Amino acid sequence: MTDSNETTTAPETDAAPQQQAPASSDAVATLEAEVASLKDQLLRSMAEAENTRRRAQKEREDTAKYAVSGFAKELLAVADNLRRAIEAVPAETRAGSEQVNTLLTGVEATERQLIAAFDRAGIVKLEPMGQPFDPNFHQVVAEVDGTDKPAGTVVTILQPGYTIQGRLLREAMVCVAKAGANPGKVDTSA
């Protein structure tokens, strides 16, 4: 009897490690899947944190660059008025009166200081005269007939435009050349 018991017990002991092997490999596979899932979550969280850090840094940089935009817009009117004051006095009046000449010299010095402050803040005046109309930087106020310029070319600047750090601060108000009718053709469609 012991022989039969030994033969039956021997296969049972051999079967037990075989049953444990699949169970332990299932547990290992489960743990590996969990590790992979946690690693993926960690990588995603790290990427999200890095994106948040970059976004916050860009916002700080933009705030530093463009913080003066509102104040600068108000000073543009001052720059316009200084220029108008200088241009309002005819050259002969300036030459004829020492007091007027001294006053205008002071106004010109003030304008130069303001322009220098604009330069330090990254504020640049747009010079669109003779250039094609650009809706990103210009606002057309009128079209002018009888110019020898191509249609859509800026022929008059009513109010200069400005950019700050490459971003539009105020668009230039301009007049552009109007597309002229071809004098050799008569419109007979009416």
Protein backbone atom coordinates (compact mmCIF):
# COMPACT_ATOMS: atom_id res chain seq x y z
CA MET A 1 0.00 0.00 0.00
CA THR A 2 2.74 2.32 0.63
CA ASP A 3 3.91 1.79 -2.87
CA SER A 4 0.63 2.95 -4.28
CA ASN A 5 0.48 5.85 -1.84
CA GLU A 6 3.95 6.91 -2.83
CA THR A 7 3.10 6.77 -6.47
CA THR A 8 -0.01 8.83 -5.95
CA THR A 9 1.71 11.31 -3.69
CA ALA A 10 4.58 11.78 -6.06
CA PRO A 11 2.36 12.98 -8.88
CA GLU A 12 0.50 15.26 -6.46
CA THR A 13 3.71 16.97 -5.41
CA ASP A 14 4.67 17.35 -9.03
CA ALA A 15 1.26 18.85 -9.82
CA ALA A 16 1.40 21.34 -6.98
CA PRO A 17 4.41 23.28 -8.37
CA GLN A 18 2.78 23.26 -11.79
CA GLN A 19 -0.37 24.81 -10.33
CA GLN A 20 1.65 27.38 -8.41
CA ALA A 21 3.71 28.32 -11.46
CA PRO A 22 0.71 29.52 -13.47
CA ALA A 23 -0.68 31.30 -10.44
CA SER A 24 2.60 33.09 -9.76
CA SER A 25 3.06 33.99 -13.44
CA ASP A 26 -0.47 35.47 -13.41
CA ALA A 27 0.47 37.49 -10.35
CA VAL A 28 3.69 38.66 -12.02
CA ALA A 29 1.80 39.62 -15.17
CA THR A 30 -0.76 41.52 -13.07
CA LEU A 31 1.99 43.33 -11.19
CA GLU A 32 3.84 44.15 -14.41
CA ALA A 33 0.64 45.58 -15.91
CA GLU A 34 0.10 47.65 -12.78
CA VAL A 35 3.70 48.90 -12.90
CA ALA A 36 3.27 49.81 -16.58
CA SER A 37 0.02 51.65 -15.79
CA LEU A 38 1.60 53.55 -12.89
CA LYS A 39 4.63 54.41 -15.02
CA ASP A 40 2.34 55.75 -17.76
CA GLN A 41 0.42 57.84 -15.21
CA LEU A 42 3.69 59.18 -13.79
CA LEU A 43 4.99 60.14 -17.23
CA ARG A 44 1.72 61.87 -18.11
CA SER A 45 1.73 63.76 -14.80
CA MET A 46 5.32 64.85 -15.34
CA ALA A 47 4.53 66.02 -18.88
CA GLU A 48 1.49 67.94 -17.66
CA ALA A 49 3.55 69.60 -14.92
CA GLU A 50 6.21 70.59 -17.47
CA ASN A 51 3.56 72.02 -19.82
CA THR A 52 2.03 74.00 -16.96
CA ARG A 53 5.48 75.33 -16.01
CA ARG A 54 6.19 76.40 -19.62
CA ARG A 55 2.77 78.03 -19.98
CA ALA A 56 3.26 79.97 -16.73
CA GLN A 57 6.73 81.07 -17.82
CA LYS A 58 5.40 82.30 -21.19
CA GLU A 59 2.60 84.19 -19.43
CA ARG A 60 5.16 85.84 -17.13
CA GLU A 61 7.30 86.82 -20.12
CA ASP A 62 4.27 88.20 -22.00
CA THR A 63 3.15 90.13 -18.94
CA ALA A 64 6.61 91.66 -18.61
CA LYS A 65 6.73 92.55 -22.32
CA TYR A 66 3.25 93.94 -22.70
CA ALA A 67 2.51 95.30 -19.22
CA VAL A 68 3.04 98.85 -20.43
CA SER A 69 0.64 98.50 -23.39
CA GLY A 70 -2.23 100.41 -21.79
CA PHE A 71 0.04 103.19 -20.58
CA ALA A 72 1.84 103.28 -23.93
CA LYS A 73 -1.47 103.68 -25.81
CA GLU A 74 -2.23 106.77 -23.75
CA LEU A 75 1.22 108.21 -24.48
CA LEU A 76 0.72 107.77 -28.23
CA ALA A 77 -1.76 110.66 -28.14
CA VAL A 78 0.92 112.77 -26.45
CA ALA A 79 3.42 111.89 -29.19
CA ASP A 80 0.82 112.77 -31.84
CA ASN A 81 0.12 116.14 -30.22
CA LEU A 82 3.80 117.01 -29.91
CA ARG A 83 4.25 116.29 -33.62
CA ARG A 84 1.15 118.35 -34.50
CA ALA A 85 2.46 121.28 -32.43
CA ILE A 86 5.78 121.21 -34.28
CA GLU A 87 4.14 120.95 -37.70
CA ALA A 88 1.58 123.70 -36.93
CA VAL A 89 4.17 126.46 -36.85
CA PRO A 90 5.26 127.63 -40.30
CA ALA A 91 9.02 127.83 -40.94
CA GLU A 92 8.89 131.60 -41.54
CA THR A 93 7.18 132.19 -38.17
CA ARG A 94 9.82 130.11 -36.47
CA ALA A 95 12.63 131.97 -38.20
CA GLY A 96 11.04 135.35 -37.48
CA SER A 97 10.61 134.93 -33.73
CA GLU A 98 13.35 133.84 -31.32
CA GLN A 99 10.73 132.99 -28.66
CA VAL A 100 8.76 130.72 -30.99
CA ASN A 101 11.99 129.06 -32.14
CA THR A 102 13.04 128.43 -28.52
CA LEU A 103 9.62 127.04 -27.64
CA LEU A 104 9.61 124.67 -30.62
CA THR A 105 13.17 123.56 -29.86
CA GLY A 106 11.94 122.52 -26.39
CA VAL A 107 8.93 120.71 -27.87
CA GLU A 108 11.22 118.86 -30.30
CA ALA A 109 13.52 117.85 -27.42
CA THR A 110 10.51 116.56 -25.49
CA GLU A 111 9.39 114.58 -28.52
CA ARG A 112 12.88 113.05 -28.92
CA GLN A 113 12.87 111.99 -25.25
CA LEU A 114 9.45 110.39 -25.64
CA ILE A 115 10.58 108.52 -28.77
CA ALA A 116 13.71 107.33 -26.94
CA ALA A 117 11.52 106.05 -24.09
CA PHE A 118 9.34 104.27 -26.67
CA ASP A 119 12.45 102.65 -28.17
CA ARG A 120 13.58 101.38 -24.76
CA ALA A 121 10.12 99.84 -24.20
CA GLY A 122 10.15 98.18 -27.65
CA ILE A 123 7.55 100.56 -29.14
CA VAL A 124 8.16 101.15 -32.85
CA LYS A 125 6.40 103.64 -35.11
CA LEU A 126 5.02 102.18 -38.36
CA GLU A 127 6.13 103.91 -41.56
CA PRO A 128 3.64 102.67 -44.19
CA MET A 129 3.99 105.54 -46.72
CA GLY A 130 4.26 104.10 -50.25
CA GLN A 131 3.73 100.53 -49.04
CA PRO A 132 0.79 98.29 -49.97
CA PHE A 133 -2.16 98.33 -47.59
CA ASP A 134 -1.85 95.69 -44.85
CA PRO A 135 -5.09 95.07 -42.90
CA ASN A 136 -3.04 93.74 -39.99
CA PHE A 137 -1.38 97.11 -39.41
CA HIS A 138 -3.42 99.74 -41.28
CA GLN A 139 -6.95 101.08 -41.20
CA VAL A 140 -8.12 102.67 -44.45
CA VAL A 141 -9.99 105.91 -43.86
CA ALA A 142 -10.32 106.98 -47.50
CA GLU A 143 -9.39 106.12 -51.05
CA VAL A 144 -7.75 108.83 -53.13
CA ASP A 145 -8.31 109.27 -56.89
CA GLY A 146 -5.75 110.59 -59.32
CA THR A 147 -2.57 109.21 -57.86
CA ASP A 148 0.05 107.54 -60.00
CA LYS A 149 0.40 104.77 -57.40
CA PRO A 150 -0.98 101.24 -57.77
CA ALA A 151 -4.35 100.59 -56.15
CA GLY A 152 -4.12 99.89 -52.44
CA THR A 153 -0.85 101.77 -51.91
CA VAL A 154 -0.68 104.04 -48.88
CA VAL A 155 -0.53 107.67 -50.09
CA THR A 156 -1.32 109.58 -46.89
CA ILE A 157 -0.85 108.81 -43.20
CA LEU A 158 -3.49 110.50 -41.06
CA GLN A 159 -2.36 108.92 -37.79
CA PRO A 160 0.79 106.82 -37.39
CA GLY A 161 0.57 103.28 -36.09
CA TYR A 162 2.78 101.63 -33.50
CA THR A 163 3.84 98.14 -32.46
CA ILE A 164 5.15 96.98 -29.10
CA GLN A 165 7.57 94.05 -29.13
CA GLY A 166 6.27 93.16 -32.61
CA ARG A 167 2.62 93.16 -31.53
CA LEU A 168 0.24 95.82 -32.86
CA LEU A 169 -0.35 98.60 -30.34
CA ARG A 170 -2.30 100.97 -32.59
CA GLU A 171 -3.06 100.62 -36.28
CA ALA A 172 -2.10 103.39 -38.68
CA MET A 173 -4.99 105.38 -40.14
CA VAL A 174 -4.20 105.82 -43.82
CA CYS A 175 -5.54 106.89 -47.19
CA VAL A 176 -4.81 104.56 -50.09
CA ALA A 177 -4.71 104.98 -53.85
CA LYS A 178 -7.97 104.12 -55.52
CA ALA A 179 -8.08 101.79 -58.48
CA GLY A 180 -8.51 104.12 -61.43
CA ALA A 181 -10.92 103.46 -64.26
CA ASN A 182 -9.26 102.55 -67.53
CA PRO A 183 -9.76 105.68 -69.68
CA GLY A 184 -9.47 103.70 -72.92
CA LYS A 185 -12.57 101.61 -72.11
CA VAL A 186 -16.12 102.83 -71.85
CA ASP A 187 -18.54 100.89 -69.67
CA THR A 188 -21.48 100.02 -71.92
CA SER A 189 -23.14 97.45 -69.67
CA ALA A 190 -25.56 99.93 -68.09
